[in-house]
Protein backbone atom coordinates (compact mmCIF):
# COMPACT_ATOMS: atom_id res chain seq x y z
CA MET A 1 -67.39 66.24 -42.13
CA LYS A 2 -68.57 69.48 -43.58
CA LEU A 3 -66.70 71.46 -40.98
CA LYS A 4 -63.38 69.39 -41.59
CA HIS A 5 -63.74 70.15 -45.41
CA ARG A 6 -64.27 73.83 -44.68
CA LEU A 7 -61.20 73.93 -42.40
CA LEU A 8 -59.16 72.10 -45.08
CA ALA A 9 -60.19 74.65 -47.79
CA LEU A 10 -59.39 77.57 -45.50
CA CYS A 11 -55.88 76.11 -44.93
CA VAL A 12 -55.32 75.70 -48.61
CA MET A 13 -56.48 79.24 -49.27
CA THR A 14 -54.26 80.64 -46.45
CA MET A 15 -51.19 78.77 -47.86
CA GLY A 16 -51.94 80.16 -51.38
CA PHE A 17 -52.33 83.75 -50.15
CA GLY A 18 -49.06 83.38 -48.15
CA GLY A 19 -47.15 82.09 -51.17
CA ALA A 20 -48.36 85.04 -53.20
CA HIS A 21 -46.20 87.49 -51.14
CA ALA A 22 -42.94 86.19 -52.67
CA ALA A 23 -42.60 85.42 -56.34
CA GLN A 24 -40.03 85.51 -59.16
CA GLN A 25 -40.70 88.53 -61.37
CA THR A 26 -39.39 88.90 -65.00
CA LEU A 27 -38.83 92.14 -66.86
CA SER A 28 -38.34 91.78 -70.62
CA SER A 29 -36.67 93.99 -73.25
CA ALA A 30 -35.96 93.27 -76.87
CA ALA A 31 -32.36 92.21 -75.98
CA PHE A 32 -32.61 90.39 -72.61
CA ASP A 33 -34.84 89.18 -69.67
CA ILE A 34 -34.26 90.12 -65.99
CA THR A 35 -35.54 87.88 -63.19
CA TYR A 36 -35.64 88.78 -59.45
CA ASP A 37 -37.35 87.85 -56.28
CA ASP A 38 -39.98 90.60 -55.40
CA ALA A 39 -39.55 89.79 -51.67
CA LEU A 40 -35.88 90.71 -51.76
CA VAL A 41 -35.90 94.22 -53.40
CA GLY A 42 -34.89 95.70 -49.99
CA LEU A 43 -34.63 99.50 -49.79
CA PHE A 44 -34.30 99.88 -53.56
CA GLY A 45 -38.01 99.29 -54.25
CA THR A 46 -39.63 97.74 -57.29
CA PRO A 47 -37.46 98.22 -60.43
CA THR A 48 -38.64 99.52 -63.77
CA LEU A 49 -37.03 98.48 -67.02
CA LEU A 50 -37.06 101.09 -69.89
CA GLY A 51 -35.11 100.19 -73.06
CA SER A 52 -31.83 98.71 -71.85
CA SER A 53 -31.76 100.50 -68.39
CA LEU A 54 -33.08 99.26 -64.99
CA TYR A 55 -34.31 102.11 -62.80
CA PHE A 56 -35.05 102.27 -59.04
CA ALA A 57 -36.66 105.12 -57.05
CA PRO A 58 -36.22 104.31 -53.35
CA SER A 59 -39.05 105.90 -51.42
CA GLY A 60 -40.86 105.79 -47.98
CA SER A 61 -40.17 107.20 -44.62
CA PRO A 62 -37.32 107.28 -43.62
CA GLY A 63 -36.59 105.60 -46.94
CA PHE A 64 -32.99 104.77 -48.08
CA THR A 65 -31.43 107.15 -45.61
CA ALA A 66 -28.88 107.49 -42.90
CA GLN A 67 -29.00 110.29 -40.26
CA THR A 68 -27.67 111.06 -36.77
CA SER A 69 -27.14 113.82 -34.20
CA ALA A 70 -24.94 111.62 -32.10
CA GLY A 71 -22.74 108.65 -33.09
CA ILE A 72 -22.90 106.88 -36.43
CA ASP A 73 -25.72 105.58 -38.47
CA VAL A 74 -25.25 103.13 -41.38
CA THR A 75 -27.91 101.89 -43.77
CA ASN A 76 -27.29 99.25 -46.36
CA SER A 77 -29.25 97.28 -48.90
CA THR A 78 -28.56 94.83 -51.77
CA PHE A 79 -30.46 94.05 -54.93
CA ALA A 80 -29.62 90.92 -57.03
CA PHE A 81 -30.99 89.47 -60.28
CA THR A 82 -30.34 87.06 -63.12
CA ILE A 83 -30.02 88.45 -66.60
CA THR A 84 -30.33 86.37 -69.84
CA ALA A 85 -29.68 87.62 -73.33
CA ASN A 86 -32.24 86.94 -76.01
CA PRO A 87 -31.27 85.00 -79.10
CA GLY A 88 -29.17 87.24 -81.38
CA PHE A 89 -27.81 89.41 -78.60
CA THR A 90 -25.00 89.43 -76.06
CA LEU A 91 -24.41 91.46 -72.94
CA ASP A 92 -21.29 93.62 -72.79
CA THR A 93 -21.30 96.28 -70.16
CA PHE A 94 -23.00 97.25 -66.90
CA THR A 95 -22.83 100.93 -65.84
CA LEU A 96 -24.32 101.95 -62.44
CA THR A 97 -25.36 105.56 -61.64
CA GLU A 98 -26.74 106.56 -58.24
CA GLU A 99 -28.09 110.02 -56.96
CA GLY A 100 -29.35 111.58 -53.86
CA ASP A 101 -29.05 114.57 -51.53
CA TYR A 102 -27.37 115.27 -48.18
CA PHE A 103 -26.53 117.88 -45.63
CA PHE A 104 -24.33 118.03 -42.50
CA PHE A 105 -22.99 120.61 -40.19
CA GLY A 106 -20.57 120.66 -37.36
CA ASP A 107 -16.86 120.04 -37.29
CA THR A 108 -17.23 116.34 -36.29
CA ALA A 109 -20.03 115.56 -38.65
CA GLY A 110 -20.04 113.99 -42.15
CA VAL A 111 -21.65 111.55 -44.56
CA ASP A 112 -20.41 108.90 -47.01
CA VAL A 113 -21.52 106.55 -49.76
CA SER A 114 -20.04 103.16 -50.69
CA GLY A 115 -21.00 99.99 -52.30
CA GLN A 116 -20.11 97.53 -55.07
CA LEU A 117 -21.39 96.42 -58.47
CA ARG A 118 -20.77 92.68 -59.07
CA VAL A 119 -21.33 90.61 -62.26
CA LYS A 120 -20.93 86.83 -62.37
CA PRO A 121 -21.12 85.34 -65.85
CA LEU A 122 -22.85 81.96 -65.70
CA SER A 123 -20.40 80.01 -67.80
CA PRO A 124 -17.79 77.45 -66.80
CA GLY A 125 -14.59 79.01 -65.45
CA SER A 126 -15.87 82.51 -65.44
CA ALA A 127 -14.65 84.75 -62.48
CA THR A 128 -16.93 87.29 -60.75
CA LEU A 129 -16.18 90.85 -61.82
CA THR A 130 -16.36 93.57 -59.17
CA GLU A 131 -16.13 97.36 -59.17
CA ASN A 132 -16.48 99.69 -56.08
CA VAL A 133 -18.69 102.88 -56.47
CA ALA A 134 -16.58 105.97 -57.13
CA ASP A 135 -15.45 108.27 -54.28
CA THR A 136 -17.60 111.28 -53.81
CA SER A 137 -16.92 114.66 -52.25
CA PHE A 138 -19.28 116.17 -49.78
CA VAL A 139 -19.45 119.81 -48.56
CA ALA A 140 -20.33 120.79 -45.03
CA ASN A 141 -23.19 123.22 -44.14
CA ALA A 142 -23.12 126.22 -41.93
CA VAL A 143 -24.46 125.45 -38.45
CA PHE A 144 -28.25 125.02 -38.55
CA ASP A 145 -28.33 125.31 -42.25
CA PHE A 146 -30.53 122.33 -43.39
CA GLY A 147 -30.30 123.08 -47.13
CA THR A 148 -29.54 119.89 -49.06
CA HIS A 149 -26.86 119.24 -51.68
CA ASP A 150 -26.99 116.71 -54.55
CA TRP A 151 -24.53 113.90 -54.81
CA SER A 152 -23.95 111.20 -57.46
CA THR A 153 -21.58 108.31 -57.93
CA GLY A 154 -21.35 105.00 -59.90
CA ALA A 155 -19.43 102.16 -61.19
CA SER A 156 -18.88 100.36 -64.47
CA ILE A 157 -17.92 96.77 -65.51
CA ALA A 158 -17.05 95.54 -69.04
CA THR A 159 -17.82 91.81 -69.20
CA GLY A 160 -17.13 91.10 -72.91
CA PRO A 161 -19.77 88.96 -74.75
CA MET A 162 -21.90 87.36 -72.10
CA THR A 163 -25.21 85.48 -72.53
CA THR A 164 -26.35 84.94 -68.92
CA GLY A 165 -25.23 86.15 -65.52
CA GLN A 166 -25.94 87.19 -61.97
CA VAL A 167 -25.76 90.85 -61.10
CA THR A 168 -25.63 92.34 -57.61
CA ILE A 169 -25.89 96.03 -56.57
CA GLN A 170 -24.77 96.68 -52.91
CA ASN A 171 -25.22 100.12 -51.48
CA ILE A 172 -24.22 101.67 -48.15
CA LEU A 173 -25.01 105.07 -46.68
CA ALA A 174 -23.25 106.41 -43.62
CA ALA A 175 -23.84 109.47 -41.45
CA TYR A 176 -21.95 110.47 -38.34
CA ALA A 177 -21.94 113.27 -35.90
CA ALA A 178 -20.52 114.04 -32.43
CA GLY A 179 -20.55 117.06 -30.07
CA ASP A 180 -22.80 119.98 -29.77
CA PHE A 181 -24.69 121.45 -32.77
CA ALA A 182 -23.78 118.57 -35.10
CA TYR A 183 -26.13 116.74 -37.39
CA SER A 184 -25.81 114.66 -40.59
CA PHE A 185 -28.30 113.24 -43.14
CA ILE A 186 -27.93 111.46 -46.54
CA GLU A 187 -30.47 109.92 -48.73
CA LYS A 188 -30.44 107.76 -51.96
CA LYS A 189 -33.16 108.94 -54.50
CA ASN A 190 -32.34 107.38 -57.84
CA VAL A 191 -30.49 104.39 -59.15
CA GLU A 192 -29.94 103.39 -62.74
CA LEU A 193 -28.19 100.33 -64.21
CA SER A 194 -27.57 100.77 -67.93
CA ILE A 195 -26.86 97.48 -69.80
CA GLY A 196 -24.93 97.50 -72.96
CA VAL A 197 -25.85 94.85 -75.53
CA SER A 198 -24.60 93.88 -78.92
CA ALA A 199 -26.37 92.15 -81.86
CA VAL A 200 -24.96 88.89 -82.93
CA PRO A 201 -25.69 87.70 -86.49
CA GLU A 202 -27.66 84.52 -86.72
CA PRO A 203 -26.00 81.46 -88.45
CA GLU A 204 -28.13 82.07 -91.49
CA THR A 205 -26.57 85.50 -91.84
CA TYR A 206 -23.09 84.10 -91.65
CA ALA A 207 -23.94 81.61 -94.35
CA LEU A 208 -25.34 84.40 -96.66
CA MET A 209 -22.23 86.51 -96.07
CA LEU A 210 -19.93 83.59 -96.92
CA ALA A 211 -21.94 82.89 -100.04
CA GLY A 212 -21.71 86.43 -101.09
CA ILE A 213 -18.06 86.52 -100.60
CA GLY A 214 -17.61 83.39 -102.52
CA MET A 215 -19.65 84.76 -105.49
CA VAL A 216 -17.53 87.91 -105.52
CA GLY A 217 -14.36 85.90 -105.52
CA PHE A 218 -15.61 83.70 -108.35
CA ALA A 219 -16.63 86.72 -110.50
CA ALA A 220 -13.19 88.15 -109.91
CA ARG A 221 -11.39 84.97 -110.99
CA ARG A 222 -13.51 84.78 -114.15
CA ARG A 223 -12.54 88.34 -115.09
CA LEU A 224 -8.81 87.45 -114.69
CA GLN A 225 -9.04 84.37 -117.06
CA PRO A 226 -8.13 85.18 -120.72
CA GLY A 227 -10.97 84.94 -123.25
CA ILE A 228 -13.73 85.15 -120.64
């Protein structure tokens, strides 16, 4: 019996440790809360919330990269989260900025960046808003020049006043090369999603404003009445 109890306890502990690998995480600011699954961060890595901006710093080896000396290499990753405005605030805009570096040489080599920002307001009848990342220009290197160049791109969506929604950032890196003396490399190093918010007066504030307007109007009428 003692052995059976020990085996049962071991199974319970193992299940507990296994469940700890994936959990919902919440990042909070004064204006909103962000919730995401830490098992689904992909190549973005763990996000950091500073003020009203969400930051990622993809790292590792090879990290968020695409590279090849023959053919094409495509790397993609997607990060999704739910955002909820705190009382007294609404969510208005989402502005994505991405940065990294690259190099490629050879007449048949090159790199590219693509992706999409998506915002789905969680309210009846609301449509999903999408915006592709902006086109980026890339400059070739001389043969066997491995010096890197910086690139940046982004996307922006204006939602209007929104209290809760689902946001998805999809990123794709591509590198291609063919023939002799051709190579291409591209890496994503920084991602920032800036979230625009607006303050919404509480009902008590509206009541005070209306009361103040009423008192001003009453005083004005009294001044217009003869003998007062």
